[in-house]
């Protein structure tokens, strides 16, 4: 893990740990702020009716997610999944904060705008954290890189071997070219199989990620 990640993850996670603790300490106030949003969501998604009827419990759930996922992100455990969970929770919080903000004076409007920009910035950071691969390239990139590298090495090997065979006579050159053609066919078959395997693995990973997103939602 790079130095930037070591510093950034705890800093980002600490924001949500503190916010989760604050929600637990001020549960009534936080639930009151959350109530209009839960009712609005319940009118669109019937499954959220329970949250609309008990906003205090919804607040406890959000606080629990923030503390748990924030801690996991801070210590580098399941960082992508933790960031994804926090992004969903923070999007709801940001909307609730924007929706219930007092706009009686111009200062209130300015404060609301600043709060919105701050929340969008945090969501952007969580978005980056949710797709961060710790500096490692994706599976698709690695498969493509291996295929290209193997192709180049195979071409170089073929050129060198043909030159040597030409010095040994026509029969040796002919036999070698036949072997080279067979090797090319085998290489193409292996390359095709590797590409299929990579695509299959990528689809499984994408399916698993979608399943995880649905569970988090």
Protein backbone atom coordinates (compact mmCIF):
# COMPACT_ATOMS: atom_id res chain seq x y z
CA UNK A 1 0.00 0.00 0.00
CA UNK A 2 1.34 3.43 -0.95
CA UNK A 3 1.89 6.23 1.58
CA UNK A 4 -1.00 8.20 0.06
CA UNK A 5 -3.43 5.31 0.64
CA UNK A 6 -2.14 4.80 4.19
CA UNK A 7 -2.99 8.42 4.97
CA UNK A 8 -6.10 8.92 2.81
CA UNK A 9 -8.13 5.92 3.93
CA UNK A 10 -7.94 6.65 7.68
CA UNK A 11 -8.73 10.31 7.06
CA UNK A 12 -11.77 9.45 4.94
CA UNK A 13 -12.91 6.73 7.32
CA UNK A 14 -12.54 8.99 10.37
CA UNK A 15 -15.12 11.41 8.93
CA UNK A 16 -17.78 8.71 8.93
CA UNK A 17 -16.80 7.18 12.27
CA UNK A 18 -17.20 10.61 13.90
CA UNK A 19 -20.47 11.23 12.06
CA UNK A 20 -21.83 7.82 13.09
CA UNK A 21 -20.97 8.45 16.75
CA UNK A 22 -22.61 11.87 16.53
CA UNK A 23 -25.77 10.27 15.11
CA UNK A 24 -25.93 7.89 18.08
CA UNK A 25 -25.44 10.73 20.57
CA UNK A 26 -28.10 12.92 18.94
CA UNK A 27 -30.45 10.22 17.72
CA UNK A 28 -33.69 12.23 18.09
CA UNK A 29 -32.41 15.25 16.16
CA UNK A 30 -30.83 13.08 13.44
CA UNK A 31 -34.02 11.02 13.08
CA UNK A 32 -36.09 14.19 12.74
CA UNK A 33 -33.83 15.39 9.91
CA UNK A 34 -34.06 11.98 8.27
CA UNK A 35 -37.85 11.63 8.50
CA UNK A 36 -38.88 13.66 5.39
CA UNK A 37 -36.38 11.76 3.25
CA UNK A 38 -37.46 8.31 4.47
CA UNK A 39 -41.07 9.21 3.76
CA UNK A 40 -40.14 10.40 0.29
CA UNK A 41 -38.15 7.23 -0.41
CA UNK A 42 -40.99 5.06 0.93
CA UNK A 43 -43.41 6.68 -1.50
CA UNK A 44 -41.19 5.48 -4.35
CA UNK A 45 -39.87 2.22 -2.87
CA UNK A 46 -42.55 0.33 -0.86
CA UNK A 47 -39.85 -1.81 0.82
CA UNK A 48 -38.66 1.31 2.65
CA UNK A 49 -41.99 1.75 4.44
CA UNK A 50 -40.55 0.38 7.69
CA UNK A 51 -37.82 3.03 7.67
CA UNK A 52 -40.41 5.78 7.14
CA UNK A 53 -42.47 4.54 10.10
CA UNK A 54 -39.43 4.34 12.37
CA UNK A 55 -36.86 7.01 11.33
CA UNK A 56 -35.00 6.61 14.63
CA UNK A 57 -34.24 2.97 13.81
CA UNK A 58 -33.19 4.03 10.30
CA UNK A 59 -30.84 6.52 11.92
CA UNK A 60 -29.30 3.76 14.07
CA UNK A 61 -28.77 1.61 10.97
CA UNK A 62 -27.05 4.46 9.15
CA UNK A 63 -24.87 5.17 12.18
CA UNK A 64 -23.93 1.49 12.40
CA UNK A 65 -22.98 1.37 8.72
CA UNK A 66 -20.91 4.54 9.06
CA UNK A 67 -18.98 3.33 12.10
CA UNK A 68 -18.45 -0.21 10.78
CA UNK A 69 -17.60 0.67 7.18
CA UNK A 70 -15.64 3.75 8.26
CA UNK A 71 -13.48 1.64 10.56
CA UNK A 72 -12.98 -1.02 7.87
CA UNK A 73 -11.94 1.64 5.37
CA UNK A 74 -9.57 3.28 7.86
CA UNK A 75 -7.71 0.03 8.58
CA UNK A 76 -7.78 -1.15 4.95
CA UNK A 77 -10.18 -4.09 5.37
CA UNK A 78 -12.49 -4.56 2.37
CA UNK A 79 -11.78 -0.95 1.34
CA UNK A 80 -13.71 -1.03 -1.94
CA UNK A 81 -16.84 -2.57 -0.43
CA UNK A 82 -16.61 -0.24 2.59
CA UNK A 83 -16.29 2.82 0.34
CA UNK A 84 -19.28 1.67 -1.71
CA UNK A 85 -21.43 1.25 1.40
CA UNK A 86 -20.36 4.66 2.71
CA UNK A 87 -21.08 6.28 -0.66
CA UNK A 88 -24.68 5.04 -0.61
CA UNK A 89 -25.21 6.12 3.00
CA UNK A 90 -23.59 9.51 2.44
CA UNK A 91 -25.68 10.18 -0.67
CA UNK A 92 -28.80 9.71 1.47
CA UNK A 93 -27.39 11.90 4.23
CA UNK A 94 -26.38 14.63 1.80
CA UNK A 95 -29.87 14.68 0.30
CA UNK A 96 -31.45 14.82 3.77
CA UNK A 97 -29.18 17.69 4.77
CA UNK A 98 -29.94 19.57 1.54
CA UNK A 99 -33.67 18.87 1.77
CA UNK A 100 -34.10 20.04 5.37
CA UNK A 101 -31.70 23.00 5.35
CA UNK A 102 -33.09 26.28 6.65
CA UNK A 103 -33.10 28.98 3.92
CA UNK A 104 -34.36 32.03 5.78
CA UNK A 105 -31.39 34.30 5.00
CA UNK A 106 -28.78 34.68 2.28
CA UNK A 107 -26.21 33.27 4.72
CA UNK A 108 -28.31 30.10 4.98
CA UNK A 109 -28.31 29.74 1.19
CA UNK A 110 -24.53 30.19 1.09
CA UNK A 111 -24.08 27.62 3.86
CA UNK A 112 -26.31 25.15 2.00
CA UNK A 113 -24.29 25.62 -1.19
CA UNK A 114 -21.00 25.07 0.63
CA UNK A 115 -22.38 21.98 2.34
CA UNK A 116 -23.54 20.58 -1.01
CA UNK A 117 -20.11 21.12 -2.61
CA UNK A 118 -18.42 19.48 0.41
CA UNK A 119 -20.72 16.47 0.23
CA UNK A 120 -20.19 16.07 -3.50
CA UNK A 121 -16.42 16.16 -2.90
CA UNK A 122 -16.70 13.41 -0.27
CA UNK A 123 -18.82 11.32 -2.65
CA UNK A 124 -16.16 11.78 -5.32
CA UNK A 125 -13.48 10.56 -2.91
CA UNK A 126 -15.59 7.54 -1.97
CA UNK A 127 -16.19 6.81 -5.64
CA UNK A 128 -12.44 6.70 -6.27
CA UNK A 129 -11.88 4.53 -3.20
CA UNK A 130 -14.56 2.07 -4.34
CA UNK A 131 -12.71 1.37 -7.61
CA UNK A 132 -9.15 1.63 -6.27
CA UNK A 133 -7.15 -1.54 -7.02
CA UNK A 134 -4.14 -0.67 -4.83
CA UNK A 135 -2.09 0.16 -7.91
CA UNK A 136 -2.73 -3.24 -9.48
CA UNK A 137 -4.01 -3.39 -13.06
CA UNK A 138 -7.37 -4.95 -13.76
CA UNK A 139 -7.76 -8.60 -14.74
CA UNK A 140 -8.65 -7.69 -18.33
CA UNK A 141 -5.53 -5.52 -18.69
CA UNK A 142 -3.27 -8.25 -17.28
CA UNK A 143 -4.71 -10.87 -19.65
CA UNK A 144 -4.23 -8.58 -22.65
CA UNK A 145 -0.69 -7.69 -21.55
CA UNK A 146 0.28 -11.36 -21.15
CA UNK A 147 -1.10 -12.16 -24.61
CA UNK A 148 0.83 -9.31 -26.27
CA UNK A 149 4.05 -10.16 -24.44
CA UNK A 150 3.78 -13.82 -25.40
CA UNK A 151 3.15 -12.86 -29.02
CA UNK A 152 6.27 -10.69 -29.16
CA UNK A 153 8.45 -13.35 -27.52
CA UNK A 154 7.09 -16.01 -29.86
CA UNK A 155 7.81 -13.87 -32.92
CA UNK A 156 11.38 -13.18 -31.80
CA UNK A 157 12.00 -16.85 -31.07
CA UNK A 158 10.64 -17.84 -34.50
CA UNK A 159 12.84 -15.36 -36.35
CA UNK A 160 16.01 -16.48 -34.57
CA UNK A 161 15.28 -20.18 -35.07
CA UNK A 162 14.50 -19.80 -38.79
CA UNK A 163 17.78 -17.99 -39.37
CA UNK A 164 19.71 -20.79 -37.67
CA UNK A 165 17.87 -23.47 -39.64
CA UNK A 166 18.56 -21.77 -42.97
CA UNK A 167 22.26 -22.25 -42.31
CA UNK A 168 21.75 -26.00 -41.83
CA UNK A 169 20.12 -26.65 -45.21
CA UNK A 170 16.75 -26.73 -46.95
CA UNK A 171 15.45 -29.85 -45.20
CA UNK A 172 16.10 -28.46 -41.74
CA UNK A 173 14.53 -25.15 -42.72
CA UNK A 174 11.44 -26.91 -44.11
CA UNK A 175 11.03 -29.10 -41.04
CA UNK A 176 11.42 -26.12 -38.75
CA UNK A 177 8.83 -24.07 -40.62
CA UNK A 178 6.39 -26.95 -40.27
CA UNK A 179 7.05 -27.05 -36.52
CA UNK A 180 6.71 -23.29 -36.35
CA UNK A 181 3.29 -23.43 -38.05
CA UNK A 182 2.17 -26.07 -35.57
CA UNK A 183 3.44 -23.93 -32.70
CA UNK A 184 1.57 -20.90 -34.03
CA UNK A 185 -1.67 -22.89 -34.19
CA UNK A 186 -1.18 -24.10 -30.63
CA UNK A 187 -0.35 -20.60 -29.48
CA UNK A 188 -3.50 -19.20 -31.10
CA UNK A 189 -5.58 -21.90 -29.43
CA UNK A 190 -3.95 -21.13 -26.06
CA UNK A 191 -4.42 -17.39 -26.59
CA UNK A 192 -8.10 -17.92 -27.41
CA UNK A 193 -8.58 -20.06 -24.31
CA UNK A 194 -6.80 -17.47 -22.15
CA UNK A 195 -9.03 -14.70 -23.52
CA UNK A 196 -12.16 -16.77 -22.86
CA UNK A 197 -10.98 -17.51 -19.32
CA UNK A 198 -10.25 -13.82 -18.70
CA UNK A 199 -13.65 -12.76 -20.01
CA UNK A 200 -15.37 -15.41 -17.92
CA UNK A 201 -13.49 -14.31 -14.79
CA UNK A 202 -14.31 -10.66 -15.50
CA UNK A 203 -18.02 -11.49 -15.89
CA UNK A 204 -18.02 -13.44 -12.62
CA UNK A 205 -16.30 -10.54 -10.84
CA UNK A 206 -18.81 -8.07 -12.28
CA UNK A 207 -21.72 -10.33 -11.29
CA UNK A 208 -20.33 -10.64 -7.75
CA UNK A 209 -19.91 -6.84 -7.53
CA UNK A 210 -23.51 -6.29 -8.71
CA UNK A 211 -24.78 -8.81 -6.15
CA UNK A 212 -22.83 -7.00 -3.42
CA UNK A 213 -24.25 -3.64 -4.53
CA UNK A 214 -27.80 -5.01 -4.33
CA UNK A 215 -27.16 -6.38 -0.85
CA UNK A 216 -25.74 -3.04 0.28
CA UNK A 217 -28.73 -1.23 -1.23
